């Protein structure tokens, strides 16, 4: 393995570069939660970023990061 460790390093670096180069998605691409009340039955007793993360997972099969979900919720609220 001593000669092949650099392959792993290259793969990790390439993956990181691709992830950082991907532009953030627009808030319009996600379930609009701006009109919901946080911590209520309509948001399944979750915060708005939490509810958005859950709905995105159910609809698209991906988990948003907490900072990304907060950014999207803030953008949705600003666009109301």
C-alpha atoms as a PDB file:
ATOM      1  CA  UNK A   1       0.000   0.000   0.000  1.00  0.00           C
ATOM      2  CA  UNK A   2       2.957   2.328   0.464  1.00  0.00           C
ATOM      3  CA  UNK A   3       3.042   3.255  -3.211  1.00  0.00           C
ATOM      4  CA  UNK A   4      -0.705   3.597  -3.746  1.00  0.00           C
ATOM      5  CA  UNK A   5      -1.696   6.040  -0.997  1.00  0.00           C
ATOM      6  CA  UNK A   6      -1.407   8.944  -3.412  1.00  0.00           C
ATOM      7  CA  UNK A   7      -4.289   7.531  -5.489  1.00  0.00           C
ATOM      8  CA  UNK A   8      -6.585   7.883  -2.492  1.00  0.00           C
ATOM      9  CA  UNK A   9      -5.331  11.415  -1.889  1.00  0.00           C
ATOM     10  CA  UNK A  10      -6.020  12.373  -5.522  1.00  0.00           C
ATOM     11  CA  UNK A  11      -9.528  10.910  -5.393  1.00  0.00           C
ATOM     12  CA  UNK A  12     -10.353  12.781  -2.189  1.00  0.00           C
ATOM     13  CA  UNK A  13      -8.969  16.043  -3.571  1.00  0.00           C
ATOM     14  CA  UNK A  14     -10.905  15.699  -6.829  1.00  0.00           C
ATOM     15  CA  UNK A  15     -14.119  14.962  -4.947  1.00  0.00           C
ATOM     16  CA  UNK A  16     -13.582  17.997  -2.750  1.00  0.00           C
ATOM     17  CA  UNK A  17     -12.897  20.228  -5.748  1.00  0.00           C
ATOM     18  CA  UNK A  18     -16.058  19.049  -7.505  1.00  0.00           C
ATOM     19  CA  UNK A  19     -18.174  19.592  -4.388  1.00  0.00           C
ATOM     20  CA  UNK A  20     -16.807  23.106  -3.905  1.00  0.00           C
ATOM     21  CA  UNK A  21     -17.267  23.982  -7.581  1.00  0.00           C
ATOM     22  CA  UNK A  22     -20.953  23.031  -7.561  1.00  0.00           C
ATOM     23  CA  UNK A  23     -22.999  26.223  -7.296  1.00  0.00           C
ATOM     24  CA  UNK A  24     -25.640  26.311  -4.554  1.00  0.00           C
ATOM     25  CA  UNK A  25     -29.112  25.425  -5.754  1.00  0.00           C
ATOM     26  CA  UNK A  26     -31.790  28.050  -5.987  1.00  0.00           C
ATOM     27  CA  UNK A  27     -34.427  28.139  -3.252  1.00  0.00           C
ATOM     28  CA  UNK A  28     -37.061  27.710  -5.974  1.00  0.00           C
ATOM     29  CA  UNK A  29     -35.861  24.132  -6.536  1.00  0.00           C
ATOM     30  CA  UNK A  30     -37.066  23.029  -3.101  1.00  0.00           C
ATOM     31  CA  UNK A  31     -40.369  22.745  -1.250  1.00  0.00           C
ATOM     32  CA  UNK A  32     -41.410  26.255  -0.230  1.00  0.00           C
ATOM     33  CA  UNK A  33     -41.613  26.354   3.554  1.00  0.00           C
ATOM     34  CA  UNK A  34     -41.764  30.150   3.946  1.00  0.00           C
ATOM     35  CA  UNK A  35     -45.496  30.216   4.686  1.00  0.00           C
ATOM     36  CA  UNK A  36     -45.396  27.473   7.319  1.00  0.00           C
ATOM     37  CA  UNK A  37     -45.281  27.937  11.075  1.00  0.00           C
ATOM     38  CA  UNK A  38     -42.184  26.372  12.623  1.00  0.00           C
ATOM     39  CA  UNK A  39     -42.700  23.862  15.439  1.00  0.00           C
ATOM     40  CA  UNK A  40     -46.347  23.323  14.432  1.00  0.00           C
ATOM     41  CA  UNK A  41     -48.323  20.406  13.047  1.00  0.00           C
ATOM     42  CA  UNK A  42     -48.012  21.805   9.513  1.00  0.00           C
ATOM     43  CA  UNK A  43     -44.198  21.542   9.742  1.00  0.00           C
ATOM     44  CA  UNK A  44     -44.353  18.159  11.498  1.00  0.00           C
ATOM     45  CA  UNK A  45     -43.227  19.877  14.725  1.00  0.00           C
ATOM     46  CA  UNK A  46     -39.856  20.716  13.177  1.00  0.00           C
ATOM     47  CA  UNK A  47     -37.965  23.922  12.557  1.00  0.00           C
ATOM     48  CA  UNK A  48     -38.333  25.239   9.011  1.00  0.00           C
ATOM     49  CA  UNK A  49     -34.785  24.225   8.011  1.00  0.00           C
ATOM     50  CA  UNK A  50     -35.394  20.796   9.557  1.00  0.00           C
ATOM     51  CA  UNK A  51     -38.680  20.381   7.726  1.00  0.00           C
ATOM     52  CA  UNK A  52     -37.058  21.471   4.457  1.00  0.00           C
ATOM     53  CA  UNK A  53     -34.254  18.928   4.969  1.00  0.00           C
ATOM     54  CA  UNK A  54     -36.818  16.181   5.626  1.00  0.00           C
ATOM     55  CA  UNK A  55     -38.991  17.072   2.618  1.00  0.00           C
ATOM     56  CA  UNK A  56     -35.942  17.276   0.342  1.00  0.00           C
ATOM     57  CA  UNK A  57     -34.848  13.838   1.511  1.00  0.00           C
ATOM     58  CA  UNK A  58     -38.325  12.411   0.868  1.00  0.00           C
ATOM     59  CA  UNK A  59     -38.656  14.046  -2.559  1.00  0.00           C
ATOM     60  CA  UNK A  60     -35.089  13.897  -3.907  1.00  0.00           C
ATOM     61  CA  UNK A  61     -33.317  11.330  -1.747  1.00  0.00           C
ATOM     62  CA  UNK A  62     -30.615  13.769  -0.622  1.00  0.00           C
ATOM     63  CA  UNK A  63     -29.910  15.385   2.725  1.00  0.00           C
ATOM     64  CA  UNK A  64     -29.222  19.104   2.709  1.00  0.00           C
ATOM     65  CA  UNK A  65     -26.670  20.350   5.201  1.00  0.00           C
ATOM     66  CA  UNK A  66     -28.071  22.457   8.035  1.00  0.00           C
ATOM     67  CA  UNK A  67     -26.331  25.640   6.793  1.00  0.00           C
ATOM     68  CA  UNK A  68     -27.658  25.055   3.261  1.00  0.00           C
ATOM     69  CA  UNK A  69     -31.201  24.494   4.555  1.00  0.00           C
ATOM     70  CA  UNK A  70     -30.991  27.680   6.645  1.00  0.00           C
ATOM     71  CA  UNK A  71     -29.799  29.624   3.591  1.00  0.00           C
ATOM     72  CA  UNK A  72     -32.653  28.293   1.454  1.00  0.00           C
ATOM     73  CA  UNK A  73     -35.291  29.054   4.109  1.00  0.00           C
ATOM     74  CA  UNK A  74     -33.945  32.601   4.531  1.00  0.00           C
ATOM     75  CA  UNK A  75     -34.040  33.078   0.750  1.00  0.00           C
ATOM     76  CA  UNK A  76     -37.599  31.734   0.553  1.00  0.00           C
ATOM     77  CA  UNK A  77     -38.747  34.052   3.350  1.00  0.00           C
ATOM     78  CA  UNK A  78     -37.039  37.044   1.724  1.00  0.00           C
ATOM     79  CA  UNK A  79     -38.868  36.280  -1.546  1.00  0.00           C
ATOM     80  CA  UNK A  80     -42.343  36.132   0.027  1.00  0.00           C
END
